[in-house]
Amino acid sequence: MAFDSLPDWLIIIAVVLILFGGARKIPELARNLGRASGEYTRGKMELEREIRNAMNNPGSAKDQIDYVEAAKKLGIDTNNKSVDQIKQEMSAKLNPETR
């Protein structure tokens, strides 16, 4: 007897579950499988929504780089400088051949 179709495998799995876990475990397993599937689907949809929002709103406050903090980590003095000046200095420090 060859087990090459999905219904055959499902029957085998059901028999094994009944033998080792009892008949009461099957609904619990199905319920947990449904919950896990739902969580996966919700997580996938949320990730897709975040990616779409990031692509449509690239300048949102959540996604902006803290240039002052990044400049300080690079050793650039940020006192009395505008964000544009800080960006220019960061660019020059990160790409020395463009000076």
N, C-alpha and C. Protein backbone atom coordinates (compact mmCIF):
# COMPACT_ATOMS: atom_id res chain seq x y z
N MET A 1 0.85 -1.18 0.00
CA MET A 1 0.00 0.00 0.00
C MET A 1 0.90 1.25 0.00
N ALA A 2 0.69 2.09 -0.97
CA ALA A 2 1.50 3.31 -1.10
C ALA A 2 0.73 4.50 -0.53
N PHE A 3 1.45 5.33 0.21
CA PHE A 3 0.85 6.52 0.80
C PHE A 3 1.36 7.73 0.04
N ASP A 4 0.74 8.00 -1.10
CA ASP A 4 1.24 9.08 -1.93
C ASP A 4 0.22 10.20 -2.11
N SER A 5 -0.88 10.15 -1.40
CA SER A 5 -1.86 11.23 -1.50
C SER A 5 -2.07 11.85 -0.12
N LEU A 6 -2.51 13.08 -0.12
CA LEU A 6 -2.72 13.81 1.13
C LEU A 6 -3.76 13.15 2.04
N PRO A 7 -4.90 12.70 1.52
CA PRO A 7 -5.87 12.05 2.42
C PRO A 7 -5.31 10.81 3.12
N ASP A 8 -4.46 10.07 2.42
CA ASP A 8 -3.85 8.89 3.07
C ASP A 8 -3.01 9.31 4.26
N TRP A 9 -2.21 10.35 4.09
CA TRP A 9 -1.36 10.83 5.17
C TRP A 9 -2.18 11.42 6.32
N LEU A 10 -3.26 12.11 5.99
CA LEU A 10 -4.11 12.67 7.05
C LEU A 10 -4.74 11.56 7.88
N ILE A 11 -5.15 10.48 7.24
CA ILE A 11 -5.73 9.34 7.97
C ILE A 11 -4.68 8.72 8.89
N ILE A 12 -3.46 8.55 8.38
CA ILE A 12 -2.39 7.98 9.20
C ILE A 12 -2.10 8.87 10.40
N ILE A 13 -2.03 10.17 10.18
CA ILE A 13 -1.76 11.10 11.28
C ILE A 13 -2.88 11.06 12.30
N ALA A 14 -4.13 11.02 11.85
CA ALA A 14 -5.28 10.95 12.77
C ALA A 14 -5.22 9.68 13.60
N VAL A 15 -4.89 8.56 12.99
CA VAL A 15 -4.80 7.28 13.73
C VAL A 15 -3.70 7.34 14.77
N VAL A 16 -2.54 7.89 14.39
CA VAL A 16 -1.44 8.00 15.34
C VAL A 16 -1.81 8.92 16.50
N LEU A 17 -2.48 10.03 16.20
CA LEU A 17 -2.90 10.94 17.27
C LEU A 17 -3.89 10.27 18.22
N ILE A 18 -4.80 9.50 17.67
CA ILE A 18 -5.78 8.80 18.51
C ILE A 18 -5.08 7.79 19.40
N LEU A 19 -4.12 7.06 18.83
CA LEU A 19 -3.41 6.04 19.61
C LEU A 19 -2.57 6.64 20.72
N PHE A 20 -1.85 7.72 20.43
CA PHE A 20 -0.92 8.28 21.41
C PHE A 20 -1.48 9.43 22.24
N GLY A 21 -2.44 10.14 21.72
CA GLY A 21 -2.92 11.30 22.45
C GLY A 21 -4.37 11.21 22.87
N GLY A 22 -5.10 10.28 22.36
CA GLY A 22 -6.50 10.17 22.69
C GLY A 22 -7.34 11.03 21.77
N ALA A 23 -8.60 10.73 21.69
CA ALA A 23 -9.51 11.43 20.78
C ALA A 23 -9.74 12.88 21.20
N ARG A 24 -9.57 13.18 22.48
CA ARG A 24 -9.80 14.55 22.94
C ARG A 24 -8.71 15.51 22.49
N LYS A 25 -7.56 15.01 22.14
CA LYS A 25 -6.44 15.86 21.75
C LYS A 25 -6.58 16.39 20.32
N ILE A 26 -7.33 15.72 19.46
CA ILE A 26 -7.44 16.14 18.06
C ILE A 26 -8.10 17.52 17.94
N PRO A 27 -9.24 17.78 18.59
CA PRO A 27 -9.82 19.14 18.47
C PRO A 27 -8.89 20.21 19.05
N GLU A 28 -8.20 19.87 20.14
CA GLU A 28 -7.26 20.82 20.73
C GLU A 28 -6.12 21.12 19.77
N LEU A 29 -5.61 20.09 19.12
CA LEU A 29 -4.54 20.28 18.14
C LEU A 29 -5.03 21.12 16.97
N ALA A 30 -6.23 20.84 16.48
CA ALA A 30 -6.78 21.62 15.37
C ALA A 30 -7.00 23.08 15.77
N ARG A 31 -7.46 23.30 16.99
CA ARG A 31 -7.68 24.66 17.48
C ARG A 31 -6.35 25.42 17.57
N ASN A 32 -5.33 24.77 18.12
CA ASN A 32 -4.01 25.40 18.22
C ASN A 32 -3.41 25.67 16.84
N LEU A 33 -3.62 24.74 15.92
CA LEU A 33 -3.14 24.95 14.56
C LEU A 33 -3.84 26.13 13.91
N GLY A 34 -5.15 26.28 14.14
CA GLY A 34 -5.90 27.42 13.61
C GLY A 34 -5.43 28.74 14.21
N ARG A 35 -5.17 28.74 15.50
CA ARG A 35 -4.65 29.96 16.15
C ARG A 35 -3.29 30.35 15.60
N ALA A 36 -2.42 29.36 15.45
CA ALA A 36 -1.08 29.65 14.91
C ALA A 36 -1.18 30.18 13.49
N SER A 37 -2.05 29.61 12.71
CA SER A 37 -2.24 30.07 11.34
C SER A 37 -2.76 31.51 11.32
N GLY A 38 -3.69 31.82 12.20
CA GLY A 38 -4.22 33.18 12.30
C GLY A 38 -3.16 34.18 12.72
N GLU A 39 -2.34 33.81 13.69
CA GLU A 39 -1.26 34.69 14.15
C GLU A 39 -0.27 34.95 13.02
N TYR A 40 0.05 33.90 12.28
CA TYR A 40 0.98 34.05 11.14
C TYR A 40 0.39 35.02 10.12
N THR A 41 -0.89 34.84 9.80
CA THR A 41 -1.54 35.70 8.80
C THR A 41 -1.59 37.15 9.28
N ARG A 42 -1.93 37.37 10.55
CA ARG A 42 -1.97 38.73 11.08
C ARG A 42 -0.59 39.37 11.08
N GLY A 43 0.42 38.61 11.47
CA GLY A 43 1.79 39.15 11.45
C GLY A 43 2.24 39.49 10.05
N LYS A 44 1.91 38.65 9.10
CA LYS A 44 2.28 38.90 7.71
C LYS A 44 1.60 40.15 7.18
N MET A 45 0.30 40.32 7.49
CA MET A 45 -0.42 41.50 7.04
C MET A 45 0.13 42.77 7.69
N GLU A 46 0.48 42.69 8.97
CA GLU A 46 1.03 43.86 9.66
C GLU A 46 2.38 44.25 9.08
N LEU A 47 3.21 43.27 8.77
CA LEU A 47 4.51 43.56 8.17
C LEU A 47 4.34 44.18 6.80
N GLU A 48 3.43 43.66 5.99
CA GLU A 48 3.17 44.23 4.68
C GLU A 48 2.66 45.67 4.79
N ARG A 49 1.79 45.94 5.77
CA ARG A 49 1.26 47.28 5.98
C ARG A 49 2.38 48.25 6.38
N GLU A 50 3.28 47.81 7.25
CA GLU A 50 4.39 48.66 7.66
C GLU A 50 5.33 48.96 6.50
N ILE A 51 5.57 47.96 5.67
CA ILE A 51 6.43 48.19 4.51
C ILE A 51 5.78 49.17 3.54
N ARG A 52 4.47 49.00 3.30
CA ARG A 52 3.76 49.93 2.41
C ARG A 52 3.80 51.34 2.97
N ASN A 53 3.56 51.49 4.27
CA ASN A 53 3.60 52.82 4.89
C ASN A 53 4.98 53.45 4.79
N ALA A 54 6.02 52.66 5.00
CA ALA A 54 7.38 53.19 4.92
C ALA A 54 7.71 53.62 3.50
N MET A 55 7.20 52.88 2.51
CA MET A 55 7.47 53.25 1.12
C MET A 55 6.67 54.48 0.71
N ASN A 56 5.44 54.62 1.21
CA ASN A 56 4.60 55.75 0.84
C ASN A 56 4.92 57.01 1.62
N ASN A 57 5.45 56.87 2.83
CA ASN A 57 5.76 58.01 3.69
C ASN A 57 7.20 57.91 4.17
N PRO A 58 8.18 58.10 3.30
CA PRO A 58 9.57 57.92 3.71
C PRO A 58 10.05 58.93 4.74
N GLY A 59 9.38 60.06 4.88
CA GLY A 59 9.83 61.09 5.82
C GLY A 59 9.05 61.11 7.11
N SER A 60 8.36 60.04 7.45
CA SER A 60 7.59 60.04 8.69
C SER A 60 8.53 60.13 9.89
N ALA A 61 8.04 60.68 10.97
CA ALA A 61 8.87 60.94 12.15
C ALA A 61 9.49 59.66 12.70
N LYS A 62 8.78 58.55 12.61
CA LYS A 62 9.28 57.29 13.14
C LYS A 62 10.49 56.79 12.36
N ASP A 63 10.52 57.08 11.06
CA ASP A 63 11.57 56.56 10.20
C ASP A 63 12.75 57.50 10.03
N GLN A 64 12.66 58.74 10.52
CA GLN A 64 13.74 59.70 10.32
C GLN A 64 14.97 59.33 11.13
N ILE A 65 16.10 59.65 10.54
CA ILE A 65 17.37 59.40 11.20
C ILE A 65 17.65 60.56 12.15
N ASP A 66 18.15 60.26 13.32
CA ASP A 66 18.56 61.29 14.25
C ASP A 66 19.98 61.70 13.86
N TYR A 67 20.06 62.70 12.97
CA TYR A 67 21.34 63.10 12.41
C TYR A 67 22.30 63.63 13.46
N VAL A 68 21.77 64.31 14.47
CA VAL A 68 22.64 64.86 15.51
C VAL A 68 23.32 63.73 16.27
N GLU A 69 22.54 62.72 16.63
CA GLU A 69 23.09 61.58 17.37
C GLU A 69 24.09 60.81 16.50
N ALA A 70 23.74 60.60 15.23
CA ALA A 70 24.64 59.90 14.32
C ALA A 70 25.94 60.67 14.12
N ALA A 71 25.84 61.99 14.02
CA ALA A 71 27.03 62.82 13.83
C ALA A 71 27.93 62.75 15.06
N LYS A 72 27.33 62.77 16.23
CA LYS A 72 28.13 62.66 17.46
C LYS A 72 28.88 61.34 17.51
N LYS A 73 28.23 60.25 17.06
CA LYS A 73 28.89 58.95 17.05
C LYS A 73 30.04 58.91 16.05
N LEU A 74 29.95 59.74 15.03
CA LEU A 74 31.06 59.84 14.06
C LEU A 74 32.14 60.82 14.50
N GLY A 75 31.93 61.49 15.62
CA GLY A 75 32.92 62.44 16.12
C GLY A 75 32.82 63.80 15.50
N ILE A 76 31.64 64.17 15.01
CA ILE A 76 31.42 65.47 14.38
C ILE A 76 30.79 66.41 15.39
N ASP A 77 31.34 67.63 15.48
CA ASP A 77 30.79 68.64 16.38
C ASP A 77 29.47 69.16 15.80
N THR A 78 28.40 69.12 16.59
CA THR A 78 27.08 69.52 16.11
C THR A 78 26.59 70.84 16.68
N ASN A 79 27.38 71.48 17.49
CA ASN A 79 26.95 72.74 18.11
C ASN A 79 26.75 73.83 17.06
N ASN A 80 25.61 74.52 17.16
CA ASN A 80 25.26 75.65 16.30
C ASN A 80 25.30 75.31 14.80
N LYS A 81 24.93 74.10 14.45
CA LYS A 81 24.91 73.70 13.04
C LYS A 81 23.50 73.25 12.67
N SER A 82 23.11 73.54 11.44
CA SER A 82 21.80 73.08 10.96
C SER A 82 21.90 71.60 10.57
N VAL A 83 20.76 71.00 10.38
CA VAL A 83 20.73 69.59 9.98
C VAL A 83 21.40 69.41 8.62
N ASP A 84 21.20 70.37 7.73
CA ASP A 84 21.85 70.28 6.41
C ASP A 84 23.37 70.33 6.53
N GLN A 85 23.89 71.20 7.40
CA GLN A 85 25.33 71.27 7.60
C GLN A 85 25.86 69.96 8.19
N ILE A 86 25.10 69.40 9.13
CA ILE A 86 25.50 68.13 9.75
C ILE A 86 25.50 67.03 8.69
N LYS A 87 24.48 67.01 7.83
CA LYS A 87 24.42 66.00 6.76
C LYS A 87 25.63 66.12 5.84
N GLN A 88 26.00 67.35 5.49
CA GLN A 88 27.15 67.56 4.61
C GLN A 88 28.44 67.06 5.24
N GLU A 89 28.61 67.36 6.53
CA GLU A 89 29.82 66.90 7.22
C GLU A 89 29.84 65.39 7.35
N MET A 90 28.69 64.80 7.61
CA MET A 90 28.61 63.34 7.69
C MET A 90 28.95 62.71 6.34
N SER A 91 28.41 63.29 5.30
CA SER A 91 28.69 62.78 3.96
C SER A 91 30.17 62.88 3.62
N ALA A 92 30.77 63.99 3.99
CA ALA A 92 32.19 64.18 3.72
C ALA A 92 33.03 63.17 4.53
N LYS A 93 32.62 62.92 5.77
CA LYS A 93 33.38 61.99 6.61
C LYS A 93 33.23 60.55 6.12
N LEU A 94 32.00 60.21 5.67
CA LEU A 94 31.75 58.85 5.23
C LEU A 94 32.28 58.58 3.81
N ASN A 95 32.37 59.62 2.99
CA ASN A 95 32.87 59.49 1.62
C ASN A 95 34.02 60.46 1.41
N PRO A 96 35.20 60.17 1.88
CA PRO A 96 36.31 61.12 1.80
C PRO A 96 36.73 61.45 0.38
N GLU A 97 36.45 60.60 -0.60
CA GLU A 97 36.87 60.89 -1.97
C GLU A 97 36.00 61.94 -2.63
N THR A 98 34.85 62.34 -2.03
CA THR A 98 33.98 63.35 -2.63
C THR A 98 34.30 64.75 -2.15
N ARG A 99 35.34 64.94 -1.39
CA ARG A 99 35.68 66.26 -0.86
C ARG A 99 36.14 67.19 -1.91
